[in-house]
Amino acid sequence: DLSHTATARVDALAMADRMGSQLVHLHLADGTGAARDEHLVPGRGTQPCAEVCLALANGGFTGAAVLEVSTRRARTRPERRALLVEALLFARLHL
């Protein structure tokens, strides 16, 4: 979970590399390193979301990837929809 690696200030790329073929489930989200779990749209925080996706794809990852994006700050349905569309476009481009 890349939002968790942000909170824990852990190198997500190094962790994915260490886990190797044992990594079977990815929660794709982003974070800034805040003390709370943010679950930002990938690309909006400090985590190397695209790089992790590329590394997994190049490494033959066959597990599950789940978008885990918080929309609780969206004030309207169109804002919520825009966040989800942005997240889905990121996933489509990088997974």
C-alpha atoms as a PDB file:
ATOM      1  CA  ASP A   1       0.000   0.000   0.000  1.00  0.00           C
ATOM      2  CA  LEU A   2       1.807   3.098  -1.239  1.00  0.00           C
ATOM      3  CA  SER A   3      -0.155   5.354   1.075  1.00  0.00           C
ATOM      4  CA  HIS A   4       1.208   3.284   3.963  1.00  0.00           C
ATOM      5  CA  THR A   5       4.776   3.434   2.675  1.00  0.00           C
ATOM      6  CA  ALA A   6       4.416   7.223   2.605  1.00  0.00           C
ATOM      7  CA  THR A   7       3.203   7.325   6.209  1.00  0.00           C
ATOM      8  CA  ALA A   8       5.957   4.956   7.330  1.00  0.00           C
ATOM      9  CA  ARG A   9       8.542   6.819   5.225  1.00  0.00           C
ATOM     10  CA  VAL A  10       9.612   3.550   3.608  1.00  0.00           C
ATOM     11  CA  ASP A  11      11.148   3.302   0.138  1.00  0.00           C
ATOM     12  CA  ALA A  12       8.318   1.695  -1.851  1.00  0.00           C
ATOM     13  CA  LEU A  13      10.546   0.657  -4.754  1.00  0.00           C
ATOM     14  CA  ALA A  14      13.045  -1.030  -2.462  1.00  0.00           C
ATOM     15  CA  MET A  15      10.243  -2.766  -0.582  1.00  0.00           C
ATOM     16  CA  ALA A  16       8.680  -4.095  -3.782  1.00  0.00           C
ATOM     17  CA  ASP A  17      12.109  -5.311  -4.891  1.00  0.00           C
ATOM     18  CA  ARG A  18      12.715  -7.064  -1.556  1.00  0.00           C
ATOM     19  CA  MET A  19       9.304  -8.737  -1.702  1.00  0.00           C
ATOM     20  CA  GLY A  20       9.932 -10.017  -5.224  1.00  0.00           C
ATOM     21  CA  SER A  21       7.543 -12.755  -6.300  1.00  0.00           C
ATOM     22  CA  GLN A  22       5.990 -12.821  -2.832  1.00  0.00           C
ATOM     23  CA  LEU A  23       4.283  -9.509  -3.615  1.00  0.00           C
ATOM     24  CA  VAL A  24       0.843 -10.562  -4.801  1.00  0.00           C
ATOM     25  CA  HIS A  25      -1.396  -7.616  -3.921  1.00  0.00           C
ATOM     26  CA  LEU A  26      -0.842  -3.891  -4.492  1.00  0.00           C
ATOM     27  CA  HIS A  27      -2.956  -1.077  -3.083  1.00  0.00           C
ATOM     28  CA  LEU A  28      -2.286   1.738  -5.527  1.00  0.00           C
ATOM     29  CA  ALA A  29      -2.633   5.085  -3.800  1.00  0.00           C
ATOM     30  CA  ASP A  30      -0.342   7.960  -2.950  1.00  0.00           C
ATOM     31  CA  GLY A  31       0.651   9.891   0.153  1.00  0.00           C
ATOM     32  CA  THR A  32       2.818  12.788   1.205  1.00  0.00           C
ATOM     33  CA  GLY A  33       4.365  11.305   4.320  1.00  0.00           C
ATOM     34  CA  ALA A  34       1.793  12.835   6.660  1.00  0.00           C
ATOM     35  CA  ALA A  35       1.197  11.041   9.944  1.00  0.00           C
ATOM     36  CA  ARG A  36      -2.230   9.894   8.768  1.00  0.00           C
ATOM     37  CA  ASP A  37      -3.014   7.538   5.924  1.00  0.00           C
ATOM     38  CA  GLU A  38      -4.076   9.749   2.987  1.00  0.00           C
ATOM     39  CA  HIS A  39      -4.904   7.445   0.042  1.00  0.00           C
ATOM     40  CA  LEU A  40      -4.380  10.215  -2.506  1.00  0.00           C
ATOM     41  CA  VAL A  41      -4.884   9.806  -6.226  1.00  0.00           C
ATOM     42  CA  PRO A  42      -1.655   8.252  -7.573  1.00  0.00           C
ATOM     43  CA  GLY A  43       0.660  11.012  -8.732  1.00  0.00           C
ATOM     44  CA  ARG A  44      -0.602  13.570  -6.215  1.00  0.00           C
ATOM     45  CA  GLY A  45       1.785  12.664  -3.412  1.00  0.00           C
ATOM     46  CA  THR A  46       5.440  11.828  -3.013  1.00  0.00           C
ATOM     47  CA  GLN A  47       5.394   8.094  -3.665  1.00  0.00           C
ATOM     48  CA  PRO A  48       6.938   6.643  -6.827  1.00  0.00           C
ATOM     49  CA  CYS A  49       3.628   5.183  -8.002  1.00  0.00           C
ATOM     50  CA  ALA A  50       4.469   5.072 -11.710  1.00  0.00           C
ATOM     51  CA  GLU A  51       7.911   3.643 -11.031  1.00  0.00           C
ATOM     52  CA  VAL A  52       6.507   0.901  -8.783  1.00  0.00           C
ATOM     53  CA  CYS A  53       3.941  -0.030 -11.440  1.00  0.00           C
ATOM     54  CA  LEU A  54       6.649  -0.142 -14.117  1.00  0.00           C
ATOM     55  CA  ALA A  55       8.938  -2.257 -11.932  1.00  0.00           C
ATOM     56  CA  LEU A  56       6.134  -4.699 -11.188  1.00  0.00           C
ATOM     57  CA  ALA A  57       5.141  -4.940 -14.849  1.00  0.00           C
ATOM     58  CA  ASN A  58       8.765  -5.496 -15.896  1.00  0.00           C
ATOM     59  CA  GLY A  59       9.161  -8.089 -13.148  1.00  0.00           C
ATOM     60  CA  GLY A  60       6.243 -10.191 -14.334  1.00  0.00           C
ATOM     61  CA  PHE A  61       3.833  -9.225 -11.544  1.00  0.00           C
ATOM     62  CA  THR A  62       0.688 -11.352 -11.847  1.00  0.00           C
ATOM     63  CA  GLY A  63      -1.015 -10.353  -8.621  1.00  0.00           C
ATOM     64  CA  ALA A  64      -3.932  -8.019  -7.988  1.00  0.00           C
ATOM     65  CA  ALA A  65      -3.720  -4.232  -8.067  1.00  0.00           C
ATOM     66  CA  VAL A  66      -6.447  -2.256  -6.335  1.00  0.00           C
ATOM     67  CA  LEU A  67      -6.960   1.491  -6.521  1.00  0.00           C
ATOM     68  CA  GLU A  68      -7.493   2.750  -2.986  1.00  0.00           C
ATOM     69  CA  VAL A  69      -8.357   6.424  -3.265  1.00  0.00           C
ATOM     70  CA  SER A  70     -10.108   8.559  -0.686  1.00  0.00           C
ATOM     71  CA  THR A  71     -12.754  10.911  -2.022  1.00  0.00           C
ATOM     72  CA  ARG A  72     -13.980  12.147   1.362  1.00  0.00           C
ATOM     73  CA  ARG A  73     -12.765  15.690   0.683  1.00  0.00           C
ATOM     74  CA  ALA A  74     -14.747  15.981  -2.540  1.00  0.00           C
ATOM     75  CA  ARG A  75     -17.557  18.463  -1.975  1.00  0.00           C
ATOM     76  CA  THR A  76     -19.698  17.500  -4.923  1.00  0.00           C
ATOM     77  CA  ARG A  77     -20.421  14.454  -7.049  1.00  0.00           C
ATOM     78  CA  PRO A  78     -18.559  15.976 -10.018  1.00  0.00           C
ATOM     79  CA  GLU A  79     -15.465  16.511  -7.816  1.00  0.00           C
ATOM     80  CA  ARG A  80     -15.664  12.907  -6.580  1.00  0.00           C
ATOM     81  CA  ARG A  81     -16.090  11.639 -10.119  1.00  0.00           C
ATOM     82  CA  ALA A  82     -13.100  13.691 -11.313  1.00  0.00           C
ATOM     83  CA  LEU A  83     -10.870  12.169  -8.614  1.00  0.00           C
ATOM     84  CA  LEU A  84     -11.945   8.656  -9.531  1.00  0.00           C
ATOM     85  CA  VAL A  85     -11.501   9.282 -13.258  1.00  0.00           C
ATOM     86  CA  GLU A  86      -8.004  10.665 -12.624  1.00  0.00           C
ATOM     87  CA  ALA A  87      -7.103   7.598 -10.547  1.00  0.00           C
ATOM     88  CA  LEU A  88      -8.462   5.205 -13.164  1.00  0.00           C
ATOM     89  CA  LEU A  89      -6.578   6.987 -15.951  1.00  0.00           C
ATOM     90  CA  PHE A  90      -3.361   6.731 -13.946  1.00  0.00           C
ATOM     91  CA  ALA A  91      -3.931   3.006 -13.439  1.00  0.00           C
ATOM     92  CA  ARG A  92      -4.763   2.450 -17.088  1.00  0.00           C
ATOM     93  CA  LEU A  93      -1.624   4.268 -18.173  1.00  0.00           C
ATOM     94  CA  HIS A  94       0.729   2.591 -15.696  1.00  0.00           C
ATOM     95  CA  LEU A  95      -0.586  -0.918 -15.071  1.00  0.00           C
END
